[in-house]
Amino acid sequence: MFARLNSLWLAAPLLMLAGALVHFSMAPYTLWPLAIICPWLLGLSLYRSTPSGDFWRALSFNLGLCGAGVSWIYVSISQYGSTTPAIAA
């Protein structure tokens, strides 16, 4: 497992998935161990990486984190802000 995190091509999809899974640690799912495990995977992959590898690994984690969270912005604006879907998008 640890050797696979050294390869950027294998680590990037895993880290993107780990970033997306962080959202399941919050309400309504409350799988709180994911809030510890997912960033730990990022730190584990950054341990013996080059600076450019660090950038790509952190970018893939944050793309998963922010990409999964963008849908909540649309929901909060359209449903709770009482706007039309065209304005919310």
PDB file of N, CA and C in Angstrom:
ATOM      1  N   MET A   1       0.819  -1.194   0.000  1.00  0.00           N
ATOM      2  CA  MET A   1       0.000   0.000   0.000  1.00  0.00           C
ATOM      3  C   MET A   1       0.862   1.256   0.000  1.00  0.00           C
ATOM      4  N   PHE A   2       1.886   1.269   0.852  1.00  0.00           N
ATOM      5  CA  PHE A   2       2.721   2.460   0.946  1.00  0.00           C
ATOM      6  C   PHE A   2       3.535   2.683  -0.308  1.00  0.00           C
ATOM      7  N   ALA A   3       3.948   1.613  -0.976  1.00  0.00           N
ATOM      8  CA  ALA A   3       4.710   1.767  -2.213  1.00  0.00           C
ATOM      9  C   ALA A   3       3.841   2.358  -3.315  1.00  0.00           C
ATOM     10  N   ARG A   4       2.562   2.087  -3.285  1.00  0.00           N
ATOM     11  CA  ARG A   4       1.672   2.626  -4.313  1.00  0.00           C
ATOM     12  C   ARG A   4       1.489   4.136  -4.173  1.00  0.00           C
ATOM     13  N   LEU A   5       1.619   4.638  -2.966  1.00  0.00           N
ATOM     14  CA  LEU A   5       1.475   6.075  -2.773  1.00  0.00           C
ATOM     15  C   LEU A   5       2.675   6.843  -3.294  1.00  0.00           C
ATOM     16  N   ASN A   6       3.790   6.155  -3.574  1.00  0.00           N
ATOM     17  CA  ASN A   6       4.964   6.829  -4.121  1.00  0.00           C
ATOM     18  C   ASN A   6       4.794   7.157  -5.593  1.00  0.00           C
ATOM     19  N   SER A   7       3.986   6.400  -6.307  1.00  0.00           N
ATOM     20  CA  SER A   7       3.737   6.656  -7.718  1.00  0.00           C
ATOM     21  C   SER A   7       2.625   7.693  -7.852  1.00  0.00           C
ATOM     22  N   LEU A   8       2.914   8.777  -8.543  1.00  0.00           N
ATOM     23  CA  LEU A   8       1.933   9.859  -8.683  1.00  0.00           C
ATOM     24  C   LEU A   8       0.700   9.402  -9.450  1.00  0.00           C
ATOM     25  N   TRP A   9       0.884   8.537 -10.438  1.00  0.00           N
ATOM     26  CA  TRP A   9      -0.244   8.095 -11.256  1.00  0.00           C
ATOM     27  C   TRP A   9      -1.208   7.222 -10.471  1.00  0.00           C
ATOM     28  N   LEU A  10      -0.711   6.534  -9.468  1.00  0.00           N
ATOM     29  CA  LEU A  10      -1.601   5.737  -8.633  1.00  0.00           C
ATOM     30  C   LEU A  10      -2.117   6.526  -7.437  1.00  0.00           C
ATOM     31  N   ALA A  11      -1.320   7.486  -6.971  1.00  0.00           N
ATOM     32  CA  ALA A  11      -1.711   8.252  -5.787  1.00  0.00           C
ATOM     33  C   ALA A  11      -2.768   9.307  -6.105  1.00  0.00           C
ATOM     34  N   ALA A  12      -2.726   9.892  -7.284  1.00  0.00           N
ATOM     35  CA  ALA A  12      -3.647  10.988  -7.605  1.00  0.00           C
ATOM     36  C   ALA A  12      -5.123  10.565  -7.551  1.00  0.00           C
ATOM     37  N   PRO A  13      -5.526   9.458  -8.174  1.00  0.00           N
ATOM     38  CA  PRO A  13      -6.946   9.073  -8.060  1.00  0.00           C
ATOM     39  C   PRO A  13      -7.341   8.679  -6.635  1.00  0.00           C
ATOM     40  N   LEU A  14      -6.410   8.039  -5.919  1.00  0.00           N
ATOM     41  CA  LEU A  14      -6.696   7.668  -4.539  1.00  0.00           C
ATOM     42  C   LEU A  14      -6.884   8.904  -3.667  1.00  0.00           C
ATOM     43  N   LEU A  15      -6.046   9.898  -3.873  1.00  0.00           N
ATOM     44  CA  LEU A  15      -6.162  11.131  -3.090  1.00  0.00           C
ATOM     45  C   LEU A  15      -7.393  11.939  -3.480  1.00  0.00           C
ATOM     46  N   MET A  16      -7.780  11.895  -4.743  1.00  0.00           N
ATOM     47  CA  MET A  16      -9.004  12.583  -5.153  1.00  0.00           C
ATOM     48  C   MET A  16     -10.224  11.928  -4.499  1.00  0.00           C
ATOM     49  N   LEU A  17     -10.209  10.615  -4.428  1.00  0.00           N
ATOM     50  CA  LEU A  17     -11.286   9.902  -3.745  1.00  0.00           C
ATOM     51  C   LEU A  17     -11.270  10.199  -2.257  1.00  0.00           C
ATOM     52  N   ALA A  18     -10.089  10.255  -1.662  1.00  0.00           N
ATOM     53  CA  ALA A  18      -9.983  10.575  -0.231  1.00  0.00           C
ATOM     54  C   ALA A  18     -10.501  11.978   0.054  1.00  0.00           C
ATOM     55  N   GLY A  19     -10.220  12.922  -0.820  1.00  0.00           N
ATOM     56  CA  GLY A  19     -10.735  14.272  -0.641  1.00  0.00           C
ATOM     57  C   GLY A  19     -12.249  14.317  -0.736  1.00  0.00           C
ATOM     58  N   ALA A  20     -12.806  13.547  -1.645  1.00  0.00           N
ATOM     59  CA  ALA A  20     -14.264  13.522  -1.779  1.00  0.00           C
ATOM     60  C   ALA A  20     -14.921  12.833  -0.588  1.00  0.00           C
ATOM     61  N   LEU A  21     -14.246  11.869   0.006  1.00  0.00           N
ATOM     62  CA  LEU A  21     -14.822  11.143   1.132  1.00  0.00           C
ATOM     63  C   LEU A  21     -14.848  11.958   2.421  1.00  0.00           C
ATOM     64  N   VAL A  22     -14.090  13.041   2.477  1.00  0.00           N
ATOM     65  CA  VAL A  22     -14.090  13.875   3.684  1.00  0.00           C
ATOM     66  C   VAL A  22     -15.492  14.404   3.975  1.00  0.00           C
ATOM     67  N   HIS A  23     -16.286  14.635   2.953  1.00  0.00           N
ATOM     68  CA  HIS A  23     -17.626  15.186   3.153  1.00  0.00           C
ATOM     69  C   HIS A  23     -18.546  14.213   3.872  1.00  0.00           C
ATOM     70  N   PHE A  24     -18.237  12.937   3.817  1.00  0.00           N
ATOM     71  CA  PHE A  24     -19.061  11.963   4.534  1.00  0.00           C
ATOM     72  C   PHE A  24     -18.776  11.959   6.034  1.00  0.00           C
ATOM     73  N   SER A  25     -17.774  12.706   6.463  1.00  0.00           N
ATOM     74  CA  SER A  25     -17.502  12.802   7.897  1.00  0.00           C
ATOM     75  C   SER A  25     -18.385  13.840   8.573  1.00  0.00           C
ATOM     76  N   MET A  26     -19.111  14.603   7.788  1.00  0.00           N
ATOM     77  CA  MET A  26     -19.976  15.662   8.335  1.00  0.00           C
ATOM     78  C   MET A  26     -21.431  15.229   8.262  1.00  0.00           C
ATOM     79  N   ALA A  27     -22.306  16.050   8.809  1.00  0.00           N
ATOM     80  CA  ALA A  27     -23.733  15.750   8.796  1.00  0.00           C
ATOM     81  C   ALA A  27     -24.225  15.722   7.357  1.00  0.00           C
ATOM     82  N   PRO A  28     -25.145  14.912   7.006  1.00  0.00           N
ATOM     83  CA  PRO A  28     -25.960  13.989   7.787  1.00  0.00           C
ATOM     84  C   PRO A  28     -25.352  12.599   7.941  1.00  0.00           C
ATOM     85  N   TYR A  29     -24.188  12.324   7.398  1.00  0.00           N
ATOM     86  CA  TYR A  29     -23.623  10.975   7.435  1.00  0.00           C
ATOM     87  C   TYR A  29     -22.852  10.695   8.716  1.00  0.00           C
ATOM     88  N   THR A  30     -22.124  11.665   9.222  1.00  0.00           N
ATOM     89  CA  THR A  30     -21.345  11.615  10.462  1.00  0.00           C
ATOM     90  C   THR A  30     -20.467  10.371  10.586  1.00  0.00           C
ATOM     91  N   LEU A  31     -19.742  10.057   9.546  1.00  0.00           N
ATOM     92  CA  LEU A  31     -18.732   9.002   9.607  1.00  0.00           C
ATOM     93  C   LEU A  31     -17.415   9.664  10.009  1.00  0.00           C
ATOM     94  N   TRP A  32     -17.327  10.082  11.261  1.00  0.00           N
ATOM     95  CA  TRP A  32     -16.252  10.940  11.736  1.00  0.00           C
ATOM     96  C   TRP A  32     -14.848  10.379  11.550  1.00  0.00           C
ATOM     97  N   PRO A  33     -14.611   9.063  11.515  1.00  0.00           N
ATOM     98  CA  PRO A  33     -13.235   8.612  11.287  1.00  0.00           C
ATOM     99  C   PRO A  33     -12.665   9.032   9.933  1.00  0.00           C
ATOM    100  N   LEU A  34     -13.530   9.304   8.964  1.00  0.00           N
ATOM    101  CA  LEU A  34     -13.045   9.753   7.658  1.00  0.00           C
ATOM    102  C   LEU A  34     -12.366  11.115   7.740  1.00  0.00           C
ATOM    103  N   ALA A  35     -12.744  11.926   8.718  1.00  0.00           N
ATOM    104  CA  ALA A  35     -12.105  13.235   8.900  1.00  0.00           C
ATOM    105  C   ALA A  35     -10.666  13.088   9.368  1.00  0.00           C
ATOM    106  N   ILE A  36     -10.317  11.955   9.906  1.00  0.00           N
ATOM    107  CA  ILE A  36      -8.952  11.688  10.353  1.00  0.00           C
ATOM    108  C   ILE A  36      -8.179  10.899   9.307  1.00  0.00           C
ATOM    109  N   ILE A  37      -8.819   9.892   8.725  1.00  0.00           N
ATOM    110  CA  ILE A  37      -8.139   8.973   7.809  1.00  0.00           C
ATOM    111  C   ILE A  37      -7.785   9.635   6.484  1.00  0.00           C
ATOM    112  N   CYS A  38      -8.705  10.404   5.917  1.00  0.00           N
ATOM    113  CA  CYS A  38      -8.469  10.983   4.589  1.00  0.00           C
ATOM    114  C   CYS A  38      -7.318  11.992   4.568  1.00  0.00           C
ATOM    115  N   PRO A  39      -7.258  12.955   5.477  1.00  0.00           N
ATOM    116  CA  PRO A  39      -6.079  13.823   5.491  1.00  0.00           C
ATOM    117  C   PRO A  39      -4.794  13.080   5.865  1.00  0.00           C
ATOM    118  N   TRP A  40      -4.928  12.012   6.656  1.00  0.00           N
ATOM    119  CA  TRP A  40      -3.763  11.194   6.984  1.00  0.00           C
ATOM    120  C   TRP A  40      -3.181  10.560   5.722  1.00  0.00           C
ATOM    121  N   LEU A  41      -4.048  10.117   4.813  1.00  0.00           N
ATOM    122  CA  LEU A  41      -3.575   9.562   3.542  1.00  0.00           C
ATOM    123  C   LEU A  41      -2.820  10.613   2.729  1.00  0.00           C
ATOM    124  N   LEU A  42      -3.297  11.847   2.748  1.00  0.00           N
ATOM    125  CA  LEU A  42      -2.581  12.920   2.064  1.00  0.00           C
ATOM    126  C   LEU A  42      -1.209  13.125   2.687  1.00  0.00           C
ATOM    127  N   GLY A  43      -1.149  13.194   3.996  1.00  0.00           N
ATOM    128  CA  GLY A  43       0.131  13.364   4.668  1.00  0.00           C
ATOM    129  C   GLY A  43       1.073  12.200   4.430  1.00  0.00           C
ATOM    130  N   LEU A  44       0.531  10.995   4.359  1.00  0.00           N
ATOM    131  CA  LEU A  44       1.343   9.816   4.094  1.00  0.00           C
ATOM    132  C   LEU A  44       1.937   9.862   2.694  1.00  0.00           C
ATOM    133  N   SER A  45       1.168  10.332   1.737  1.00  0.00           N
ATOM    134  CA  SER A  45       1.687  10.393   0.369  1.00  0.00           C
ATOM    135  C   SER A  45       2.683  11.538   0.189  1.00  0.00           C
ATOM    136  N   LEU A  46       2.609  12.566   1.030  1.00  0.00           N
ATOM    137  CA  LEU A  46       3.540  13.691   0.932  1.00  0.00           C
ATOM    138  C   LEU A  46       4.851  13.434   1.664  1.00  0.00           C
ATOM    139  N   TYR A  47       4.944  12.334   2.401  1.00  0.00           N
ATOM    140  CA  TYR A  47       6.077  12.109   3.294  1.00  0.00           C
ATOM    141  C   TYR A  47       7.422  12.115   2.585  1.00  0.00           C
ATOM    142  N   ARG A  48       7.588  11.351   1.540  1.00  0.00           N
ATOM    143  CA  ARG A  48       8.865  11.298   0.821  1.00  0.00           C
ATOM    144  C   ARG A  48       8.664  11.623  -0.651  1.00  0.00           C
ATOM    145  N   SER A  49       8.052  12.734  -0.894  1.00  0.00           N
ATOM    146  CA  SER A  49       7.757  13.144  -2.258  1.00  0.00           C
ATOM    147  C   SER A  49       8.588  14.368  -2.615  1.00  0.00           C
ATOM    148  N   THR A  50       8.709  14.611  -3.908  1.00  0.00           N
ATOM    149  CA  THR A  50       9.410  15.798  -4.380  1.00  0.00           C
ATOM    150  C   THR A  50       8.483  17.003  -4.277  1.00  0.00           C
ATOM    151  N   PRO A  51       9.006  18.223  -4.345  1.00  0.00           N
ATOM    152  CA  PRO A  51       8.124  19.402  -4.278  1.00  0.00           C
ATOM    153  C   PRO A  51       7.082  19.436  -5.399  1.00  0.00           C
ATOM    154  N   SER A  52       7.456  19.042  -6.606  1.00  0.00           N
ATOM    155  CA  SER A  52       6.449  19.034  -7.676  1.00  0.00           C
ATOM    156  C   SER A  52       5.436  17.916  -7.447  1.00  0.00           C
ATOM    157  N   GLY A  53       5.871  16.789  -6.905  1.00  0.00           N
ATOM    158  CA  GLY A  53       4.939  15.717  -6.564  1.00  0.00           C
ATOM    159  C   GLY A  53       3.999  16.131  -5.451  1.00  0.00           C
ATOM    160  N   ASP A  54       4.525  16.915  -4.493  1.00  0.00           N
ATOM    161  CA  ASP A  54       3.677  17.440  -3.418  1.00  0.00           C
ATOM    162  C   ASP A  54       2.559  18.304  -3.980  1.00  0.00           C
ATOM    163  N   PHE A  55       2.901  19.134  -4.952  1.00  0.00           N
ATOM    164  CA  PHE A  55       1.903  20.014  -5.565  1.00  0.00           C
ATOM    165  C   PHE A  55       0.787  19.205  -6.211  1.00  0.00           C
ATOM    166  N   TRP A  56       1.141  18.204  -7.014  1.00  0.00           N
ATOM    167  CA  TRP A  56       0.128  17.429  -7.726  1.00  0.00           C
ATOM    168  C   TRP A  56      -0.700  16.567  -6.790  1.00  0.00           C
ATOM    169  N   ARG A  57      -0.071  16.053  -5.746  1.00  0.00           N
ATOM    170  CA  ARG A  57      -0.818  15.257  -4.775  1.00  0.00           C
ATOM    171  C   ARG A  57      -1.807  16.129  -4.003  1.00  0.00           C
ATOM    172  N   ALA A  58      -1.354  17.292  -3.549  1.00  0.00           N
ATOM    173  CA  ALA A  58      -2.245  18.192  -2.816  1.00  0.00           C
ATOM    174  C   ALA A  58      -3.348  18.727  -3.726  1.00  0.00           C
ATOM    175  N   LEU A  59      -3.017  18.989  -4.978  1.00  0.00           N
ATOM    176  CA  LEU A  59      -4.023  19.463  -5.926  1.00  0.00           C
ATOM    177  C   LEU A  59      -5.098  18.411  -6.156  1.00  0.00           C
ATOM    178  N   SER A  60      -4.710  17.159  -6.324  1.00  0.00           N
ATOM    179  CA  SER A  60      -5.707  16.120  -6.562  1.00  0.00           C
ATOM    180  C   SER A  60      -6.591  15.905  -5.332  1.00  0.00           C
ATOM    181  N   PHE A  61      -6.007  15.972  -4.119  1.00  0.00           N
ATOM    182  CA  PHE A  61      -6.820  15.863  -2.905  1.00  0.00           C
ATOM    183  C   PHE A  61      -7.825  17.008  -2.825  1.00  0.00           C
ATOM    184  N   ASN A  62      -7.373  18.218  -3.091  1.00  0.00           N
ATOM    185  CA  ASN A  62      -8.256  19.383  -2.990  1.00  0.00           C
ATOM    186  C   ASN A  62      -9.276  19.452  -4.107  1.00  0.00           C
ATOM    187  N   LEU A  63      -8.957  18.915  -5.285  1.00  0.00           N
ATOM    188  CA  LEU A  63      -9.971  18.830  -6.341  1.00  0.00           C
ATOM    189  C   LEU A  63     -11.098  17.895  -5.927  1.00  0.00           C
ATOM    190  N   GLY A  64     -10.751  16.797  -5.293  1.00  0.00           N
ATOM    191  CA  GLY A  64     -11.779  15.898  -4.787  1.00  0.00           C
ATOM    192  C   GLY A  64     -12.577  16.532  -3.670  1.00  0.00           C
ATOM    193  N   LEU A  65     -11.891  17.248  -2.787  1.00  0.00           N
ATOM    194  CA  LEU A  65     -12.557  17.895  -1.653  1.00  0.00           C
ATOM    195  C   LEU A  65     -13.506  18.997  -2.120  1.00  0.00           C
ATOM    196  N   CYS A  66     -13.027  19.876  -2.971  1.00  0.00           N
ATOM    197  CA  CYS A  66     -13.854  20.993  -3.438  1.00  0.00           C
ATOM    198  C   CYS A  66     -14.853  20.557  -4.500  1.00  0.00           C
ATOM    199  N   GLY A  67     -14.481  19.609  -5.320  1.00  0.00           N
ATOM    200  CA  GLY A  67     -15.395  19.135  -6.360  1.00  0.00           C
ATOM    201  C   GLY A  67     -16.630  18.468  -5.784  1.00  0.00           C
ATOM    202  N   ALA A  68     -16.462  17.746  -4.702  1.00  0.00           N
ATOM    203  CA  ALA A  68     -17.616  17.107  -4.065  1.00  0.00           C
ATOM    204  C   ALA A  68     -18.436  18.119  -3.274  1.00  0.00           C
ATOM    205  N   GLY A  69     -17.838  19.208  -2.846  1.00  0.00           N
ATOM    206  CA  GLY A  69     -18.552  20.190  -2.045  1.00  0.00           C
ATOM    207  C   GLY A  69     -19.266  21.256  -2.834  1.00  0.00           C
ATOM    208  N   VAL A  70     -19.002  21.363  -4.117  1.00  0.00           N
ATOM    209  CA  VAL A  70     -19.612  22.412  -4.934  1.00  0.00           C
ATOM    210  C   VAL A  70     -21.119  22.206  -5.057  1.00  0.00           C
ATOM    211  N   SER A  71     -21.578  20.977  -5.059  1.00  0.00           N
ATOM    212  CA  SER A  71     -23.011  20.733  -5.208  1.00  0.00           C
ATOM    213  C   SER A  71     -23.797  21.305  -4.033  1.00  0.00           C
ATOM    214  N   TRP A  72     -23.177  21.363  -2.855  1.00  0.00           N
ATOM    215  CA  TRP A  72     -23.872  21.921  -1.696  1.00  0.00           C
ATOM    216  C   TRP A  72     -24.106  23.412  -1.853  1.00  0.00           C
ATOM    217  N   ILE A  73     -23.246  24.090  -2.556  1.00  0.00           N
ATOM    218  CA  ILE A  73     -23.446  25.525  -2.780  1.00  0.00           C
ATOM    219  C   ILE A  73     -24.680  25.750  -3.638  1.00  0.00           C
ATOM    220  N   TYR A  74     -24.832  24.939  -4.680  1.00  0.00           N
ATOM    221  CA  TYR A  74     -26.008  25.052  -5.541  1.00  0.00           C
ATOM    222  C   TYR A  74     -27.285  24.754  -4.755  1.00  0.00           C
ATOM    223  N   VAL A  75     -27.260  23.706  -3.945  1.00  0.00           N
ATOM    224  CA  VAL A  75     -28.443  23.341  -3.165  1.00  0.00           C
ATOM    225  C   VAL A  75     -28.801  24.441  -2.182  1.00  0.00           C
ATOM    226  N   SER A  76     -27.818  24.993  -1.514  1.00  0.00           N
ATOM    227  CA  SER A  76     -28.124  26.022  -0.519  1.00  0.00           C
ATOM    228  C   SER A  76     -28.649  27.302  -1.163  1.00  0.00           C
ATOM    229  N   ILE A  77     -28.143  27.642  -2.338  1.00  0.00           N
ATOM    230  CA  ILE A  77     -28.625  28.858  -2.996  1.00  0.00           C
ATOM    231  C   ILE A  77     -30.012  28.649  -3.592  1.00  0.00           C
ATOM    232  N   SER A  78     -30.228  27.521  -4.264  1.00  0.00           N
ATOM    233  CA  SER A  78     -31.500  27.322  -4.953  1.00  0.00           C
ATOM    234  C   SER A  78     -32.638  26.956  -4.006  1.00  0.00           C
ATOM    235  N   GLN A  79     -32.378  26.079  -3.036  1.00  0.00           N
ATOM    236  CA  GLN A  79     -33.474  25.646  -2.170  1.00  0.00           C
ATOM    237  C   GLN A  79     -33.675  26.555  -0.965  1.00  0.00           C
ATOM    238  N   TYR A  80     -32.612  26.895  -0.299  1.00  0.00           N
ATOM    239  CA  TYR A  80     -32.743  27.677   0.917  1.00  0.00           C
ATOM    240  C   TYR A  80     -32.709  29.172   0.655  1.00  0.00           C
ATOM    241  N   GLY A  81     -32.167  29.575  -0.466  1.00  0.00           N
ATOM    242  CA  GLY A  81     -32.145  30.990  -0.823  1.00  0.00           C
ATOM    243  C   GLY A  81     -33.339  31.408  -1.649  1.00  0.00           C
ATOM    244  N   SER A  82     -34.179  30.446  -2.010  1.00  0.00           N
ATOM    245  CA  SER A  82     -35.409  30.674  -2.766  1.00  0.00           C
ATOM    246  C   SER A  82     -35.135  31.425  -4.079  1.00  0.00           C
ATOM    247  N   THR A  83     -34.136  30.963  -4.810  1.00  0.00           N
ATOM    248  CA  THR A  83     -33.853  31.552  -6.120  1.00  0.00           C
ATOM    249  C   THR A  83     -34.173  30.539  -7.209  1.00  0.00           C
ATOM    250  N   THR A  84     -34.193  31.015  -8.412  1.00  0.00           N
ATOM    251  CA  THR A  84     -34.428  30.114  -9.542  1.00  0.00           C
ATOM    252  C   THR A  84     -33.156  29.311  -9.823  1.00  0.00           C
ATOM    253  N   PRO A  85     -33.284  28.146 -10.472  1.00  0.00           N
ATOM    254  CA  PRO A  85     -32.098  27.347 -10.781  1.00  0.00           C
ATOM    255  C   PRO A  85     -31.098  28.068 -11.686  1.00  0.00           C
ATOM    256  N   ALA A  86     -31.577  28.950 -12.557  1.00  0.00           N
ATOM    257  CA  ALA A  86     -30.662  29.675 -13.444  1.00  0.00           C
ATOM    258  C   ALA A  86     -29.773  30.638 -12.659  1.00  0.00           C
ATOM    259  N   ILE A  87     -30.312  31.275 -11.651  1.00  0.00           N
ATOM    260  CA  ILE A  87     -29.517  32.194 -10.828  1.00  0.00           C
ATOM    261  C   ILE A  87     -28.575  31.411  -9.917  1.00  0.00           C
ATOM    262  N   ALA A  88     -29.020  30.276  -9.421  1.00  0.00           N
ATOM    263  CA  ALA A  88     -28.190  29.476  -8.516  1.00  0.00           C
ATOM    264  C   ALA A  88     -26.996  28.875  -9.241  1.00  0.00           C
ATOM    265  N   ALA A  89     -27.151  28.589 -10.515  1.00  0.00           N
ATOM    266  CA  ALA A  89     -26.038  27.989 -11.272  1.00  0.00           C
ATOM    267  C   ALA A  89     -25.044  29.052 -11.594  1.00  0.00           C
TER     268      ALA A  89
END
